[in-house]
Amino acid sequence: MTEIDIRMTRYGSRVASELTIAALADLSLRYGGEGDSTPIEPVEFDPPEGAFLVAYVDRVPAGCAGYRTLAGDDATAELKRMYVAPEYRGRGVAKALLRAVEDVARSAGRTRMWLETGTAQPEAIGLYERCGYARIDDFGHYKGYPDVRSFGRSL
């Protein structure tokens, strides 16, 4: 069993920046372009409207995830920048990060979590489905794109 230490950090911190750059590079390989052109402001991840977490394995940053409150809907947290470095995949890091970001969002009064992913991320879709997420109407930046898949669940 891998020991995973999850810590909250600022979205613009060095470790968060390194992980989000890696996440965008991974998305770029899968989808092309810059990977994700969703407009993001770092302050969207400041508590209580949001949070950003980093998972460490043996004190090494292994992954990240954050949420921001959906504009105009204080009940809904939007999952963003969910990523696990390739060398840490298959060790429970993604599930631990997902549960941790859900817990933080719930503590801040959010009652549901929504996210966008896509068909080029079948492992992410599988994770979300195993963790109780179901397809919802597409809602975000990529609404209307043929490869987008939106999911949500109650917290």
Protein backbone atom coordinates (compact mmCIF):
# COMPACT_ATOMS: atom_id res chain seq x y z
CA MET A 1 0.00 0.00 0.00
CA THR A 2 1.38 3.38 -1.05
CA GLU A 3 1.40 6.03 1.67
CA ILE A 4 -0.05 9.22 0.23
CA ASP A 5 0.24 12.61 1.93
CA ILE A 6 -2.18 15.22 0.58
CA ARG A 7 -1.63 18.89 1.36
CA MET A 8 -3.46 22.06 0.42
CA THR A 9 -1.37 24.66 -1.41
CA ARG A 10 -1.83 27.83 -3.45
CA TYR A 11 -2.61 27.29 -7.13
CA GLY A 12 0.34 29.51 -8.09
CA SER A 13 2.90 27.80 -5.85
CA ARG A 14 6.00 26.29 -7.43
CA VAL A 15 4.90 22.70 -6.87
CA ALA A 16 1.36 23.37 -8.14
CA SER A 17 2.76 25.13 -11.21
CA GLU A 18 5.08 22.24 -12.03
CA LEU A 19 2.25 19.72 -11.74
CA THR A 20 -0.23 21.80 -13.75
CA ILE A 21 2.36 22.27 -16.51
CA ALA A 22 2.78 18.48 -16.61
CA ALA A 23 -1.02 18.04 -16.64
CA LEU A 24 -1.41 20.41 -19.58
CA ALA A 25 1.42 18.67 -21.44
CA ASP A 26 -0.35 15.34 -20.94
CA LEU A 27 -3.63 16.83 -22.22
CA SER A 28 -1.80 18.34 -25.19
CA LEU A 29 -0.49 14.92 -26.18
CA ARG A 30 -4.00 13.51 -25.97
CA TYR A 31 -5.97 16.35 -27.58
CA GLY A 32 -3.46 18.63 -29.30
CA GLY A 33 -3.09 22.37 -28.86
CA GLU A 34 -2.33 23.71 -25.41
CA GLY A 35 -4.18 20.85 -23.74
CA ASP A 36 -6.88 22.86 -21.98
CA SER A 37 -7.82 26.42 -22.87
CA THR A 38 -10.38 26.80 -20.07
CA PRO A 39 -9.93 30.29 -18.59
CA ILE A 40 -8.58 29.98 -15.05
CA GLU A 41 -7.67 32.62 -12.50
CA PRO A 42 -5.44 31.38 -9.66
CA VAL A 43 -7.62 33.15 -7.05
CA GLU A 44 -10.52 30.84 -8.03
CA PHE A 45 -8.71 28.14 -6.04
CA ASP A 46 -8.44 30.21 -2.86
CA PRO A 47 -10.61 28.99 0.05
CA PRO A 48 -13.50 28.98 0.59
CA GLU A 49 -14.47 29.41 -3.08
CA GLY A 50 -11.91 26.81 -4.09
CA ALA A 51 -8.90 24.80 -3.06
CA PHE A 52 -5.85 23.20 -4.63
CA LEU A 53 -4.26 20.02 -3.31
CA VAL A 54 -1.01 18.20 -4.00
CA ALA A 55 -0.44 14.52 -3.29
CA TYR A 56 3.02 13.41 -2.18
CA VAL A 57 4.38 9.89 -2.27
CA ASP A 58 7.61 9.46 -0.28
CA ARG A 59 7.77 13.29 -0.04
CA VAL A 60 7.77 13.61 -3.85
CA PRO A 61 4.93 15.52 -5.56
CA ALA A 62 2.92 12.84 -7.37
CA GLY A 63 -0.31 14.57 -8.42
CA CYS A 64 -2.73 17.41 -7.96
CA ALA A 65 -6.40 18.36 -8.05
CA GLY A 66 -8.41 21.43 -7.29
CA TYR A 67 -11.89 22.80 -7.28
CA ARG A 68 -13.41 26.16 -7.95
CA THR A 69 -16.98 27.20 -7.27
CA LEU A 70 -19.03 27.21 -10.43
CA ALA A 71 -19.90 30.78 -11.43
CA GLY A 72 -23.40 31.69 -10.29
CA ASP A 73 -23.89 28.41 -8.38
CA ASP A 74 -22.51 28.36 -4.84
CA ALA A 75 -23.59 24.73 -4.40
CA THR A 76 -21.42 23.33 -7.20
CA ALA A 77 -17.69 22.71 -7.08
CA GLU A 78 -15.96 22.22 -10.44
CA LEU A 79 -13.06 19.77 -10.38
CA LYS A 80 -10.02 21.10 -12.26
CA ARG A 81 -6.43 20.04 -12.95
CA MET A 82 -6.84 16.47 -11.74
CA TYR A 83 -3.51 14.87 -12.60
CA VAL A 84 -1.20 12.08 -11.46
CA ALA A 85 2.35 11.76 -12.79
CA PRO A 86 2.76 8.61 -14.91
CA GLU A 87 5.18 6.94 -12.50
CA TYR A 88 2.58 7.15 -9.71
CA ARG A 89 -0.45 5.91 -11.63
CA GLY A 90 -2.10 2.70 -10.49
CA ARG A 91 -1.13 3.31 -6.85
CA GLY A 92 -4.33 4.91 -5.55
CA VAL A 93 -3.13 8.50 -5.82
CA ALA A 94 -5.95 9.67 -8.10
CA LYS A 95 -8.68 8.19 -5.93
CA ALA A 96 -7.12 9.66 -2.78
CA LEU A 97 -6.86 13.09 -4.42
CA LEU A 98 -10.44 12.94 -5.67
CA ARG A 99 -11.79 12.01 -2.23
CA ALA A 100 -9.67 14.72 -0.56
CA VAL A 101 -10.84 17.49 -2.91
CA GLU A 102 -14.44 16.32 -2.44
CA ASP A 103 -13.99 16.51 1.36
CA VAL A 104 -12.59 20.05 1.18
CA ALA A 105 -15.40 21.19 -1.13
CA ARG A 106 -18.01 19.59 1.14
CA SER A 107 -16.47 21.33 4.17
CA ALA A 108 -16.80 24.64 2.31
CA GLY A 109 -20.53 24.04 1.80
CA ARG A 110 -20.57 22.65 -1.74
CA THR A 111 -23.14 19.93 -2.25
CA ARG A 112 -22.09 18.57 -5.64
CA MET A 113 -18.96 18.17 -7.77
CA TRP A 114 -18.99 18.52 -11.56
CA LEU A 115 -16.17 18.01 -14.04
CA GLU A 116 -15.31 17.93 -17.70
CA THR A 117 -13.11 15.25 -19.23
CA GLY A 118 -12.93 13.71 -22.67
CA THR A 119 -12.86 10.54 -24.69
CA ALA A 120 -9.05 10.59 -24.91
CA GLN A 121 -8.94 10.01 -21.14
CA PRO A 122 -10.61 6.61 -20.69
CA GLU A 123 -8.74 5.95 -17.44
CA ALA A 124 -10.12 9.19 -15.96
CA ILE A 125 -13.64 8.30 -17.06
CA GLY A 126 -13.23 4.89 -15.42
CA LEU A 127 -12.03 6.47 -12.17
CA TYR A 128 -14.93 8.89 -12.02
CA GLU A 129 -17.48 6.15 -12.72
CA ARG A 130 -15.94 3.88 -10.05
CA CYS A 131 -16.14 6.78 -7.58
CA GLY A 132 -19.85 7.35 -8.11
CA TYR A 133 -19.88 9.99 -10.84
CA ALA A 134 -22.52 9.84 -13.56
CA ARG A 135 -22.84 11.60 -16.91
CA ILE A 136 -24.50 15.01 -16.72
CA ASP A 137 -25.37 17.54 -19.39
CA ASP A 138 -22.23 19.18 -20.72
CA PHE A 139 -21.79 22.51 -18.96
CA GLY A 140 -18.37 24.10 -19.21
CA HIS A 141 -15.81 25.59 -21.52
CA TYR A 142 -15.95 22.57 -23.84
CA LYS A 143 -19.76 22.28 -23.95
CA GLY A 144 -20.71 21.27 -27.47
CA TYR A 145 -17.38 19.63 -28.32
CA PRO A 146 -17.99 16.09 -29.60
CA ASP A 147 -15.30 14.49 -27.40
CA VAL A 148 -16.25 16.17 -24.11
CA ARG A 149 -17.77 14.10 -21.33
CA SER A 150 -19.19 15.84 -18.26
CA PHE A 151 -19.75 14.04 -14.97
CA GLY A 152 -21.14 14.93 -11.58
CA ARG A 153 -22.07 13.55 -8.20
CA SER A 154 -23.63 14.72 -4.98
CA LEU A 155 -21.24 15.36 -2.11
